[in-house]
C-alpha cells in the first residue's frame, strides 16, 4: 500500500495485458528464449491480477506520465495500491530488491 500522503495522480490509463512474441535481435549474444518465456509469464501474472481485481469491481491502471513506473496500480476508497510483478526464484534473482527500490520512490 502506498503511504497516505501519496496522491492518485500516479494512476494512468486502464492496464491491459501486452502481447508477447519472440525477440529477434541478432547482435545480442544471449538466450532470448528464456527472456521471451519470462515476459510471457509476467504478462500472464498481470492478466491474472487484472481478472482477479475486475471480479471485485476494481479497475487496474498502468502508471501515469511523469510518475514512477510500476506494473499495476489501483485504488479502493482512499487507499492507493501499486504492484510489481517479480520472479521469486532463478539464477541472479534481484527482482525483490528492485521492487523494494521502486516502492521507495513513492515515499
PDB file of N, CA and C in Angstrom:
ATOM      1  N   UNK A   1       0.847  -1.167   0.000  1.00  0.00           N
ATOM      2  CA  UNK A   1       0.000   0.000   0.000  1.00  0.00           C
ATOM      3  C   UNK A   1       0.896   1.235   0.000  1.00  0.00           C
ATOM      4  N   UNK A   2       0.434   2.242  -0.697  1.00  0.00           N
ATOM      5  CA  UNK A   2       1.180   3.491  -0.817  1.00  0.00           C
ATOM      6  C   UNK A   2       0.876   4.365   0.400  1.00  0.00           C
ATOM      7  N   UNK A   3       1.837   5.131   0.879  1.00  0.00           N
ATOM      8  CA  UNK A   3       1.605   5.988   2.048  1.00  0.00           C
ATOM      9  C   UNK A   3       0.428   6.950   1.846  1.00  0.00           C
ATOM     10  N   UNK A   4      -0.244   7.340   2.931  1.00  0.00           N
ATOM     11  CA  UNK A   4      -1.434   8.194   2.841  1.00  0.00           C
ATOM     12  C   UNK A   4      -1.189   9.536   2.175  1.00  0.00           C
ATOM     13  N   UNK A   5       0.021  10.076   2.263  1.00  0.00           N
ATOM     14  CA  UNK A   5       0.270  11.388   1.676  1.00  0.00           C
ATOM     15  C   UNK A   5       0.501  11.323   0.157  1.00  0.00           C
ATOM     16  N   UNK A   6       0.552  10.120  -0.422  1.00  0.00           N
ATOM     17  CA  UNK A   6       0.713   9.999  -1.870  1.00  0.00           C
ATOM     18  C   UNK A   6      -0.583  10.425  -2.553  1.00  0.00           C
ATOM     19  N   UNK A   7      -0.484  10.896  -3.769  1.00  0.00           N
ATOM     20  CA  UNK A   7      -1.677  11.333  -4.496  1.00  0.00           C
ATOM     21  C   UNK A   7      -2.043  10.314  -5.559  1.00  0.00           C
ATOM     22  N   UNK A   8      -3.280  10.389  -6.026  1.00  0.00           N
ATOM     23  CA  UNK A   8      -3.781   9.446  -7.010  1.00  0.00           C
ATOM     24  C   UNK A   8      -3.301   9.758  -8.422  1.00  0.00           C
ATOM     25  N   UNK A   9      -2.528  10.814  -8.599  1.00  0.00           N
ATOM     26  CA  UNK A   9      -2.086  11.161  -9.940  1.00  0.00           C
ATOM     27  C   UNK A   9      -1.025  10.209 -10.487  1.00  0.00           C
ATOM     28  N   UNK A  10      -0.658   9.181  -9.738  1.00  0.00           N
ATOM     29  CA  UNK A  10       0.275   8.184 -10.258  1.00  0.00           C
ATOM     30  C   UNK A  10      -0.439   7.158 -11.128  1.00  0.00           C
ATOM     31  N   UNK A  11      -1.782   7.079 -11.046  1.00  0.00           N
ATOM     32  CA  UNK A  11      -2.524   6.112 -11.842  1.00  0.00           C
ATOM     33  C   UNK A  11      -2.757   6.662 -13.236  1.00  0.00           C
ATOM     34  N   UNK A  12      -2.437   5.854 -14.227  1.00  0.00           N
ATOM     35  CA  UNK A  12      -2.628   6.237 -15.614  1.00  0.00           C
ATOM     36  C   UNK A  12      -3.837   5.541 -16.216  1.00  0.00           C
ATOM     37  N   UNK A  13      -3.713   5.167 -17.470  1.00  0.00           N
ATOM     38  CA  UNK A  13      -4.799   4.523 -18.214  1.00  0.00           C
ATOM     39  C   UNK A  13      -5.077   3.126 -17.666  1.00  0.00           C
ATOM     40  N   UNK A  14      -6.264   2.580 -17.956  1.00  0.00           N
ATOM     41  CA  UNK A  14      -6.538   1.200 -17.567  1.00  0.00           C
ATOM     42  C   UNK A  14      -5.466   0.261 -18.121  1.00  0.00           C
ATOM     43  N   UNK A  15      -5.062  -0.689 -17.308  1.00  0.00           N
ATOM     44  CA  UNK A  15      -3.994  -1.613 -17.665  1.00  0.00           C
ATOM     45  C   UNK A  15      -4.524  -2.720 -18.561  1.00  0.00           C
ATOM     46  N   UNK A  16      -3.746  -3.089 -19.565  1.00  0.00           N
ATOM     47  CA  UNK A  16      -4.078  -4.195 -20.454  1.00  0.00           C
ATOM     48  C   UNK A  16      -2.869  -5.105 -20.568  1.00  0.00           C
ATOM     49  N   UNK A  17      -3.126  -6.396 -20.753  1.00  0.00           N
ATOM     50  CA  UNK A  17      -2.048  -7.350 -20.947  1.00  0.00           C
ATOM     51  C   UNK A  17      -1.424  -7.089 -22.311  1.00  0.00           C
ATOM     52  N   UNK A  18      -0.099  -7.030 -22.352  1.00  0.00           N
ATOM     53  CA  UNK A  18       0.599  -6.805 -23.615  1.00  0.00           C
ATOM     54  C   UNK A  18       0.774  -8.116 -24.363  1.00  0.00           C
ATOM     55  N   UNK A  19       0.781  -8.035 -25.675  1.00  0.00           N
ATOM     56  CA  UNK A  19       1.068  -9.217 -26.489  1.00  0.00           C
ATOM     57  C   UNK A  19       2.567  -9.467 -26.426  1.00  0.00           C
ATOM     58  N   UNK A  20       2.930 -10.737 -26.324  1.00  0.00           N
ATOM     59  CA  UNK A  20       4.348 -11.085 -26.281  1.00  0.00           C
ATOM     60  C   UNK A  20       4.697 -11.865 -27.536  1.00  0.00           C
ATOM     61  N   UNK A  21       5.941 -11.847 -27.881  1.00  0.00           N
ATOM     62  CA  UNK A  21       6.410 -12.551 -29.071  1.00  0.00           C
ATOM     63  C   UNK A  21       7.788 -13.086 -28.841  1.00  0.00           C
ATOM     64  N   UNK A  22       8.517 -13.160 -29.919  1.00  0.00           N
ATOM     65  CA  UNK A  22       9.888 -13.662 -29.838  1.00  0.00           C
ATOM     66  C   UNK A  22      10.857 -12.532 -30.132  1.00  0.00           C
ATOM     67  N   UNK A  23      11.905 -12.458 -29.351  1.00  0.00           N
ATOM     68  CA  UNK A  23      12.957 -11.478 -29.602  1.00  0.00           C
ATOM     69  C   UNK A  23      13.820 -11.973 -30.756  1.00  0.00           C
ATOM     70  N   UNK A  24      14.240 -11.053 -31.629  1.00  0.00           N
ATOM     71  CA  UNK A  24      14.992 -11.476 -32.809  1.00  0.00           C
ATOM     72  C   UNK A  24      16.261 -10.676 -33.032  1.00  0.00           C
ATOM     73  N   UNK A  25      16.720  -9.942 -32.063  1.00  0.00           N
ATOM     74  CA  UNK A  25      17.923  -9.136 -32.237  1.00  0.00           C
ATOM     75  C   UNK A  25      19.116 -10.060 -32.460  1.00  0.00           C
ATOM     76  N   UNK A  26      19.777  -9.922 -33.590  1.00  0.00           N
ATOM     77  CA  UNK A  26      20.895 -10.810 -33.932  1.00  0.00           C
ATOM     78  C   UNK A  26      22.195 -10.411 -33.242  1.00  0.00           C
ATOM     79  N   UNK A  27      22.354  -9.132 -32.952  1.00  0.00           N
ATOM     80  CA  UNK A  27      23.599  -8.666 -32.351  1.00  0.00           C
ATOM     81  C   UNK A  27      23.735  -9.091 -30.897  1.00  0.00           C
ATOM     82  N   UNK A  28      22.636  -9.375 -30.244  1.00  0.00           N
ATOM     83  CA  UNK A  28      22.661  -9.746 -28.838  1.00  0.00           C
ATOM     84  C   UNK A  28      23.078 -11.203 -28.711  1.00  0.00           C
ATOM     85  N   UNK A  29      24.117 -11.440 -27.944  1.00  0.00           N
ATOM     86  CA  UNK A  29      24.619 -12.789 -27.769  1.00  0.00           C
ATOM     87  C   UNK A  29      24.084 -13.351 -26.452  1.00  0.00           C
ATOM     88  N   UNK A  30      22.815 -13.748 -26.459  1.00  0.00           N
ATOM     89  CA  UNK A  30      22.178 -14.289 -25.261  1.00  0.00           C
ATOM     90  C   UNK A  30      21.047 -15.216 -25.675  1.00  0.00           C
ATOM     91  N   UNK A  31      20.577 -16.013 -24.739  1.00  0.00           N
ATOM     92  CA  UNK A  31      19.450 -16.898 -24.997  1.00  0.00           C
ATOM     93  C   UNK A  31      18.164 -16.103 -24.812  1.00  0.00           C
ATOM     94  N   UNK A  32      17.619 -15.611 -25.912  1.00  0.00           N
ATOM     95  CA  UNK A  32      16.419 -14.790 -25.842  1.00  0.00           C
ATOM     96  C   UNK A  32      15.165 -15.599 -25.559  1.00  0.00           C
ATOM     97  N   UNK A  33      15.218 -16.920 -25.733  1.00  0.00           N
ATOM     98  CA  UNK A  33      14.029 -17.722 -25.471  1.00  0.00           C
ATOM     99  C   UNK A  33      13.646 -17.668 -23.994  1.00  0.00           C
ATOM    100  N   UNK A  34      14.633 -17.623 -23.100  1.00  0.00           N
ATOM    101  CA  UNK A  34      14.299 -17.526 -21.672  1.00  0.00           C
ATOM    102  C   UNK A  34      13.734 -16.143 -21.347  1.00  0.00           C
ATOM    103  N   UNK A  35      14.234 -15.109 -22.024  1.00  0.00           N
ATOM    104  CA  UNK A  35      13.669 -13.762 -21.857  1.00  0.00           C
ATOM    105  C   UNK A  35      12.213 -13.746 -22.325  1.00  0.00           C
ATOM    106  N   UNK A  36      11.958 -14.344 -23.471  1.00  0.00           N
ATOM    107  CA  UNK A  36      10.594 -14.391 -24.000  1.00  0.00           C
ATOM    108  C   UNK A  36       9.655 -15.168 -23.076  1.00  0.00           C
ATOM    109  N   UNK A  37      10.125 -16.267 -22.516  1.00  0.00           N
ATOM    110  CA  UNK A  37       9.315 -17.048 -21.580  1.00  0.00           C
ATOM    111  C   UNK A  37       9.008 -16.237 -20.329  1.00  0.00           C
ATOM    112  N   UNK A  38      10.015 -15.515 -19.842  1.00  0.00           N
ATOM    113  CA  UNK A  38       9.819 -14.680 -18.657  1.00  0.00           C
ATOM    114  C   UNK A  38       8.819 -13.563 -18.914  1.00  0.00           C
ATOM    115  N   UNK A  39       8.914 -12.933 -20.085  1.00  0.00           N
ATOM    116  CA  UNK A  39       7.978 -11.868 -20.441  1.00  0.00           C
ATOM    117  C   UNK A  39       6.563 -12.410 -20.539  1.00  0.00           C
ATOM    118  N   UNK A  40       6.400 -13.574 -21.161  1.00  0.00           N
ATOM    119  CA  UNK A  40       5.076 -14.188 -21.275  1.00  0.00           C
ATOM    120  C   UNK A  40       4.514 -14.535 -19.896  1.00  0.00           C
ATOM    121  N   UNK A  41       5.348 -15.063 -19.009  1.00  0.00           N
ATOM    122  CA  UNK A  41       4.901 -15.392 -17.652  1.00  0.00           C
ATOM    123  C   UNK A  41       4.515 -14.121 -16.896  1.00  0.00           C
ATOM    124  N   UNK A  42       5.277 -13.057 -17.074  1.00  0.00           N
ATOM    125  CA  UNK A  42       4.973 -11.767 -16.438  1.00  0.00           C
ATOM    126  C   UNK A  42       3.595 -11.292 -16.880  1.00  0.00           C
ATOM    127  N   UNK A  43       3.326 -11.327 -18.174  1.00  0.00           N
ATOM    128  CA  UNK A  43       2.042 -10.850 -18.687  1.00  0.00           C
ATOM    129  C   UNK A  43       0.884 -11.751 -18.259  1.00  0.00           C
ATOM    130  N   UNK A  44       1.121 -13.059 -18.126  1.00  0.00           N
ATOM    131  CA  UNK A  44       0.069 -13.948 -17.599  1.00  0.00           C
ATOM    132  C   UNK A  44      -0.266 -13.570 -16.155  1.00  0.00           C
ATOM    133  N   UNK A  45       0.757 -13.249 -15.377  1.00  0.00           N
ATOM    134  CA  UNK A  45       0.538 -12.845 -13.989  1.00  0.00           C
ATOM    135  C   UNK A  45      -0.222 -11.524 -13.928  1.00  0.00           C
ATOM    136  N   UNK A  46       0.156 -10.562 -14.763  1.00  0.00           N
ATOM    137  CA  UNK A  46      -0.555  -9.283 -14.825  1.00  0.00           C
ATOM    138  C   UNK A  46      -2.010  -9.528 -15.219  1.00  0.00           C
ATOM    139  N   UNK A  47      -2.228 -10.391 -16.197  1.00  0.00           N
ATOM    140  CA  UNK A  47      -3.587 -10.720 -16.622  1.00  0.00           C
ATOM    141  C   UNK A  47      -4.405 -11.348 -15.507  1.00  0.00           C
ATOM    142  N   UNK A  48      -3.790 -12.230 -14.735  1.00  0.00           N
ATOM    143  CA  UNK A  48      -4.487 -12.855 -13.612  1.00  0.00           C
ATOM    144  C   UNK A  48      -4.860 -11.816 -12.554  1.00  0.00           C
ATOM    145  N   UNK A  49      -3.971 -10.851 -12.315  1.00  0.00           N
ATOM    146  CA  UNK A  49      -4.256  -9.779 -11.354  1.00  0.00           C
ATOM    147  C   UNK A  49      -5.418  -8.919 -11.843  1.00  0.00           C
ATOM    148  N   UNK A  50      -5.396  -8.548 -13.126  1.00  0.00           N
ATOM    149  CA  UNK A  50      -6.488  -7.757 -13.692  1.00  0.00           C
ATOM    150  C   UNK A  50      -7.811  -8.502 -13.541  1.00  0.00           C
ATOM    151  N   UNK A  51      -7.813  -9.783 -13.880  1.00  0.00           N
ATOM    152  CA  UNK A  51      -9.037 -10.590 -13.789  1.00  0.00           C
ATOM    153  C   UNK A  51      -9.525 -10.685 -12.341  1.00  0.00           C
ATOM    154  N   UNK A  52      -8.605 -10.963 -11.430  1.00  0.00           N
ATOM    155  CA  UNK A  52      -8.955 -11.106 -10.014  1.00  0.00           C
ATOM    156  C   UNK A  52      -9.601  -9.826  -9.474  1.00  0.00           C
ATOM    157  N   UNK A  53      -8.963  -8.687  -9.755  1.00  0.00           N
ATOM    158  CA  UNK A  53      -9.489  -7.430  -9.230  1.00  0.00           C
ATOM    159  C   UNK A  53     -10.737  -6.971  -9.961  1.00  0.00           C
ATOM    160  N   UNK A  54     -10.841  -7.243 -11.261  1.00  0.00           N
ATOM    161  CA  UNK A  54     -12.034  -6.820 -12.006  1.00  0.00           C
ATOM    162  C   UNK A  54     -13.273  -7.567 -11.524  1.00  0.00           C
ATOM    163  N   UNK A  55     -13.106  -8.807 -11.068  1.00  0.00           N
ATOM    164  CA  UNK A  55     -14.244  -9.554 -10.495  1.00  0.00           C
ATOM    165  C   UNK A  55     -14.744  -8.898  -9.213  1.00  0.00           C
ATOM    166  N   UNK A  56     -13.949  -8.048  -8.627  1.00  0.00           N
ATOM    167  CA  UNK A  56     -14.323  -7.321  -7.409  1.00  0.00           C
ATOM    168  C   UNK A  56     -14.690  -5.869  -7.702  1.00  0.00           C
ATOM    169  N   UNK A  57     -14.832  -5.561  -9.006  1.00  0.00           N
ATOM    170  CA  UNK A  57     -15.229  -4.217  -9.407  1.00  0.00           C
ATOM    171  C   UNK A  57     -14.114  -3.188  -9.320  1.00  0.00           C
ATOM    172  N   UNK A  58     -12.861  -3.648  -9.335  1.00  0.00           N
ATOM    173  CA  UNK A  58     -11.717  -2.748  -9.219  1.00  0.00           C
ATOM    174  C   UNK A  58     -11.031  -2.653 -10.573  1.00  0.00           C
ATOM    175  N   UNK A  59     -10.846  -1.410 -11.056  1.00  0.00           N
ATOM    176  CA  UNK A  59     -10.152  -1.196 -12.323  1.00  0.00           C
ATOM    177  C   UNK A  59      -8.666  -1.014 -12.048  1.00  0.00           C
ATOM    178  N   UNK A  60      -7.859  -1.761 -12.775  1.00  0.00           N
ATOM    179  CA  UNK A  60      -6.405  -1.727 -12.606  1.00  0.00           C
ATOM    180  C   UNK A  60      -5.820  -0.794 -13.669  1.00  0.00           C
ATOM    181  N   UNK A  61      -4.832   0.010 -13.274  1.00  0.00           N
ATOM    182  CA  UNK A  61      -4.249   1.007 -14.158  1.00  0.00           C
ATOM    183  C   UNK A  61      -2.758   0.796 -14.334  1.00  0.00           C
ATOM    184  N   UNK A  62      -2.248   1.368 -15.409  1.00  0.00           N
ATOM    185  CA  UNK A  62      -0.817   1.484 -15.605  1.00  0.00           C
ATOM    186  C   UNK A  62      -0.355   2.758 -14.898  1.00  0.00           C
ATOM    187  N   UNK A  63       0.913   3.060 -14.953  1.00  0.00           N
ATOM    188  CA  UNK A  63       1.439   4.267 -14.313  1.00  0.00           C
ATOM    189  C   UNK A  63       1.118   5.493 -15.180  1.00  0.00           C
ATOM    190  N   UNK A  64       1.011   6.626 -14.539  1.00  0.00           N
ATOM    191  CA  UNK A  64       0.746   7.886 -15.243  1.00  0.00           C
ATOM    192  C   UNK A  64       2.051   8.468 -15.774  1.00  0.00           C
ATOM    193  N   UNK A  65       1.916   9.303 -16.744  1.00  0.00           N
ATOM    194  CA  UNK A  65       3.083  10.010 -17.291  1.00  0.00           C
ATOM    195  C   UNK A  65       3.750  10.819 -16.175  1.00  0.00           C
ATOM    196  N   UNK A  66       5.045  10.807 -16.136  1.00  0.00           N
ATOM    197  CA  UNK A  66       5.852  11.537 -15.145  1.00  0.00           C
ATOM    198  C   UNK A  66       5.723  11.000 -13.728  1.00  0.00           C
ATOM    199  N   UNK A  67       5.243   9.781 -13.566  1.00  0.00           N
ATOM    200  CA  UNK A  67       5.204   9.168 -12.234  1.00  0.00           C
ATOM    201  C   UNK A  67       6.154   7.974 -12.236  1.00  0.00           C
ATOM    202  N   UNK A  68       6.508   7.466 -11.070  1.00  0.00           N
ATOM    203  CA  UNK A  68       7.354   6.265 -11.040  1.00  0.00           C
ATOM    204  C   UNK A  68       6.654   5.116 -11.764  1.00  0.00           C
ATOM    205  N   UNK A  69       7.428   4.269 -12.418  1.00  0.00           N
ATOM    206  CA  UNK A  69       6.869   3.133 -13.164  1.00  0.00           C
ATOM    207  C   UNK A  69       6.512   2.000 -12.206  1.00  0.00           C
ATOM    208  N   UNK A  70       5.414   1.325 -12.494  1.00  0.00           N
ATOM    209  CA  UNK A  70       5.010   0.128 -11.762  1.00  0.00           C
ATOM    210  C   UNK A  70       4.221  -0.747 -12.715  1.00  0.00           C
ATOM    211  N   UNK A  71       3.994  -2.004 -12.323  1.00  0.00           N
ATOM    212  CA  UNK A  71       3.286  -2.930 -13.195  1.00  0.00           C
ATOM    213  C   UNK A  71       1.779  -2.759 -13.150  1.00  0.00           C
ATOM    214  N   UNK A  72       1.228  -2.440 -12.002  1.00  0.00           N
ATOM    215  CA  UNK A  72      -0.228  -2.297 -11.854  1.00  0.00           C
ATOM    216  C   UNK A  72      -0.520  -1.378 -10.679  1.00  0.00           C
ATOM    217  N   UNK A  73      -1.575  -0.607 -10.798  1.00  0.00           N
ATOM    218  CA  UNK A  73      -1.988   0.273  -9.708  1.00  0.00           C
ATOM    219  C   UNK A  73      -3.506   0.345  -9.649  1.00  0.00           C
ATOM    220  N   UNK A  74      -4.045   0.505  -8.445  1.00  0.00           N
ATOM    221  CA  UNK A  74      -5.482   0.611  -8.288  1.00  0.00           C
ATOM    222  C   UNK A  74      -5.799   1.320  -6.980  1.00  0.00           C
ATOM    223  N   UNK A  75      -7.017   1.804  -6.900  1.00  0.00           N
ATOM    224  CA  UNK A  75      -7.471   2.491  -5.688  1.00  0.00           C
ATOM    225  C   UNK A  75      -8.726   1.801  -5.181  1.00  0.00           C
ATOM    226  N   UNK A  76      -8.815   1.687  -3.862  1.00  0.00           N
ATOM    227  CA  UNK A  76     -10.009   1.181  -3.187  1.00  0.00           C
ATOM    228  C   UNK A  76     -10.330   2.202  -2.113  1.00  0.00           C
ATOM    229  N   UNK A  77     -11.429   2.926  -2.319  1.00  0.00           N
ATOM    230  CA  UNK A  77     -11.747   4.008  -1.393  1.00  0.00           C
ATOM    231  C   UNK A  77     -10.636   5.027  -1.426  1.00  0.00           C
ATOM    232  N   UNK A  78     -10.084   5.350  -0.267  1.00  0.00           N
ATOM    233  CA  UNK A  78      -8.985   6.313  -0.182  1.00  0.00           C
ATOM    234  C   UNK A  78      -7.616   5.645  -0.213  1.00  0.00           C
ATOM    235  N   UNK A  79      -7.591   4.316  -0.320  1.00  0.00           N
ATOM    236  CA  UNK A  79      -6.328   3.576  -0.329  1.00  0.00           C
ATOM    237  C   UNK A  79      -5.839   3.371  -1.756  1.00  0.00           C
ATOM    238  N   UNK A  80      -4.573   3.648  -1.985  1.00  0.00           N
ATOM    239  CA  UNK A  80      -3.932   3.518  -3.284  1.00  0.00           C
ATOM    240  C   UNK A  80      -2.922   2.377  -3.208  1.00  0.00           C
ATOM    241  N   UNK A  81      -2.956   1.482  -4.180  1.00  0.00           N
ATOM    242  CA  UNK A  81      -2.067   0.321  -4.206  1.00  0.00           C
ATOM    243  C   UNK A  81      -1.282   0.299  -5.509  1.00  0.00           C
ATOM    244  N   UNK A  82      -0.029  -0.130  -5.448  1.00  0.00           N
ATOM    245  CA  UNK A  82       0.766  -0.397  -6.639  1.00  0.00           C
ATOM    246  C   UNK A  82       1.363  -1.787  -6.501  1.00  0.00           C
ATOM    247  N   UNK A  83       1.574  -2.442  -7.638  1.00  0.00           N
ATOM    248  CA  UNK A  83       2.126  -3.800  -7.629  1.00  0.00           C
ATOM    249  C   UNK A  83       3.263  -3.901  -8.633  1.00  0.00           C
ATOM    250  N   UNK A  84       4.265  -4.651  -8.257  1.00  0.00           N
ATOM    251  CA  UNK A  84       5.366  -5.007  -9.128  1.00  0.00           C
ATOM    252  C   UNK A  84       5.361  -6.522  -9.253  1.00  0.00           C
ATOM    253  N   UNK A  85       5.337  -7.036 -10.464  1.00  0.00           N
ATOM    254  CA  UNK A  85       5.379  -8.474 -10.693  1.00  0.00           C
ATOM    255  C   UNK A  85       6.843  -8.862 -10.834  1.00  0.00           C
ATOM    256  N   UNK A  86       7.313  -9.731  -9.954  1.00  0.00           N
ATOM    257  CA  UNK A  86       8.714 -10.149  -9.958  1.00  0.00           C
ATOM    258  C   UNK A  86       8.807 -11.652  -9.810  1.00  0.00           C
ATOM    259  N   UNK A  87       9.839 -12.224 -10.389  1.00  0.00           N
ATOM    260  CA  UNK A  87      10.075 -13.655 -10.191  1.00  0.00           C
ATOM    261  C   UNK A  87      10.690 -13.852  -8.814  1.00  0.00           C
ATOM    262  N   UNK A  88      10.428 -14.989  -8.244  1.00  0.00           N
ATOM    263  CA  UNK A  88      10.913 -15.244  -6.889  1.00  0.00           C
ATOM    264  C   UNK A  88      12.094 -16.197  -6.859  1.00  0.00           C
ATOM    265  N   UNK A  89      12.386 -16.837  -7.974  1.00  0.00           N
ATOM    266  CA  UNK A  89      13.475 -17.811  -7.997  1.00  0.00           C
ATOM    267  C   UNK A  89      14.281 -17.644  -9.269  1.00  0.00           C
ATOM    268  N   UNK A  90      15.408 -18.303  -9.299  1.00  0.00           N
ATOM    269  CA  UNK A  90      16.221 -18.318 -10.512  1.00  0.00           C
ATOM    270  C   UNK A  90      17.587 -17.725 -10.265  1.00  0.00           C
ATOM    271  N   UNK A  91      18.514 -18.028 -11.174  1.00  0.00           N
ATOM    272  CA  UNK A  91      19.874 -17.515 -11.017  1.00  0.00           C
ATOM    273  C   UNK A  91      19.911 -15.999 -11.148  1.00  0.00           C
ATOM    274  N   UNK A  92      20.658 -15.366 -10.274  1.00  0.00           N
ATOM    275  CA  UNK A  92      20.813 -13.917 -10.345  1.00  0.00           C
ATOM    276  C   UNK A  92      19.540 -13.151 -10.045  1.00  0.00           C
ATOM    277  N   UNK A  93      18.666 -13.729  -9.257  1.00  0.00           N
ATOM    278  CA  UNK A  93      17.382 -13.089  -8.963  1.00  0.00           C
ATOM    279  C   UNK A  93      17.577 -11.859  -8.092  1.00  0.00           C
ATOM    280  N   UNK A  94      17.338 -10.703  -8.672  1.00  0.00           N
ATOM    281  CA  UNK A  94      17.447  -9.441  -7.937  1.00  0.00           C
ATOM    282  C   UNK A  94      16.119  -8.696  -7.970  1.00  0.00           C
ATOM    283  N   UNK A  95      15.065  -9.388  -8.383  1.00  0.00           N
ATOM    284  CA  UNK A  95      13.772  -8.739  -8.573  1.00  0.00           C
ATOM    285  C   UNK A  95      13.202  -8.165  -7.282  1.00  0.00           C
ATOM    286  N   UNK A  96      13.337  -8.879  -6.181  1.00  0.00           N
ATOM    287  CA  UNK A  96      12.788  -8.383  -4.916  1.00  0.00           C
ATOM    288  C   UNK A  96      13.473  -7.087  -4.508  1.00  0.00           C
ATOM    289  N   UNK A  97      14.764  -7.005  -4.713  1.00  0.00           N
ATOM    290  CA  UNK A  97      15.496  -5.782  -4.397  1.00  0.00           C
ATOM    291  C   UNK A  97      15.022  -4.638  -5.285  1.00  0.00           C
ATOM    292  N   UNK A  98      14.813  -4.909  -6.556  1.00  0.00           N
ATOM    293  CA  UNK A  98      14.335  -3.884  -7.488  1.00  0.00           C
ATOM    294  C   UNK A  98      12.933  -3.401  -7.095  1.00  0.00           C
ATOM    295  N   UNK A  99      12.082  -4.331  -6.663  1.00  0.00           N
ATOM    296  CA  UNK A  99      10.733  -3.966  -6.259  1.00  0.00           C
ATOM    297  C   UNK A  99      10.749  -3.081  -5.016  1.00  0.00           C
ATOM    298  N   UNK A 100      11.621  -3.394  -4.070  1.00  0.00           N
ATOM    299  CA  UNK A 100      11.733  -2.552  -2.881  1.00  0.00           C
ATOM    300  C   UNK A 100      12.194  -1.153  -3.268  1.00  0.00           C
ATOM    301  N   UNK A 101      13.128  -1.082  -4.199  1.00  0.00           N
ATOM    302  CA  UNK A 101      13.609   0.226  -4.658  1.00  0.00           C
ATOM    303  C   UNK A 101      12.511   1.013  -5.331  1.00  0.00           C
ATOM    304  N   UNK A 102      11.674   0.348  -6.109  1.00  0.00           N
ATOM    305  CA  UNK A 102      10.558   1.025  -6.772  1.00  0.00           C
ATOM    306  C   UNK A 102       9.553   1.536  -5.732  1.00  0.00           C
ATOM    307  N   UNK A 103       9.333   0.770  -4.689  1.00  0.00           N
ATOM    308  CA  UNK A 103       8.378   1.189  -3.644  1.00  0.00           C
ATOM    309  C   UNK A 103       8.863   2.434  -2.922  1.00  0.00           C
ATOM    310  N   UNK A 104      10.163   2.557  -2.720  1.00  0.00           N
ATOM    311  CA  UNK A 104      10.722   3.712  -2.034  1.00  0.00           C
ATOM    312  C   UNK A 104      10.431   5.005  -2.802  1.00  0.00           C
ATOM    313  N   UNK A 105      10.292   4.896  -4.111  1.00  0.00           N
ATOM    314  CA  UNK A 105      10.023   6.080  -4.941  1.00  0.00           C
ATOM    315  C   UNK A 105       8.714   6.771  -4.551  1.00  0.00           C
ATOM    316  N   UNK A 106       7.809   6.056  -3.892  1.00  0.00           N
ATOM    317  CA  UNK A 106       6.520   6.627  -3.506  1.00  0.00           C
ATOM    318  C   UNK A 106       6.535   7.266  -2.127  1.00  0.00           C
ATOM    319  N   UNK A 107       7.586   7.071  -1.372  1.00  0.00           N
ATOM    320  CA  UNK A 107       7.623   7.589  -0.001  1.00  0.00           C
ATOM    321  C   UNK A 107       7.925   9.054   0.073  1.00  0.00           C
TER     322      UNK A 107
END
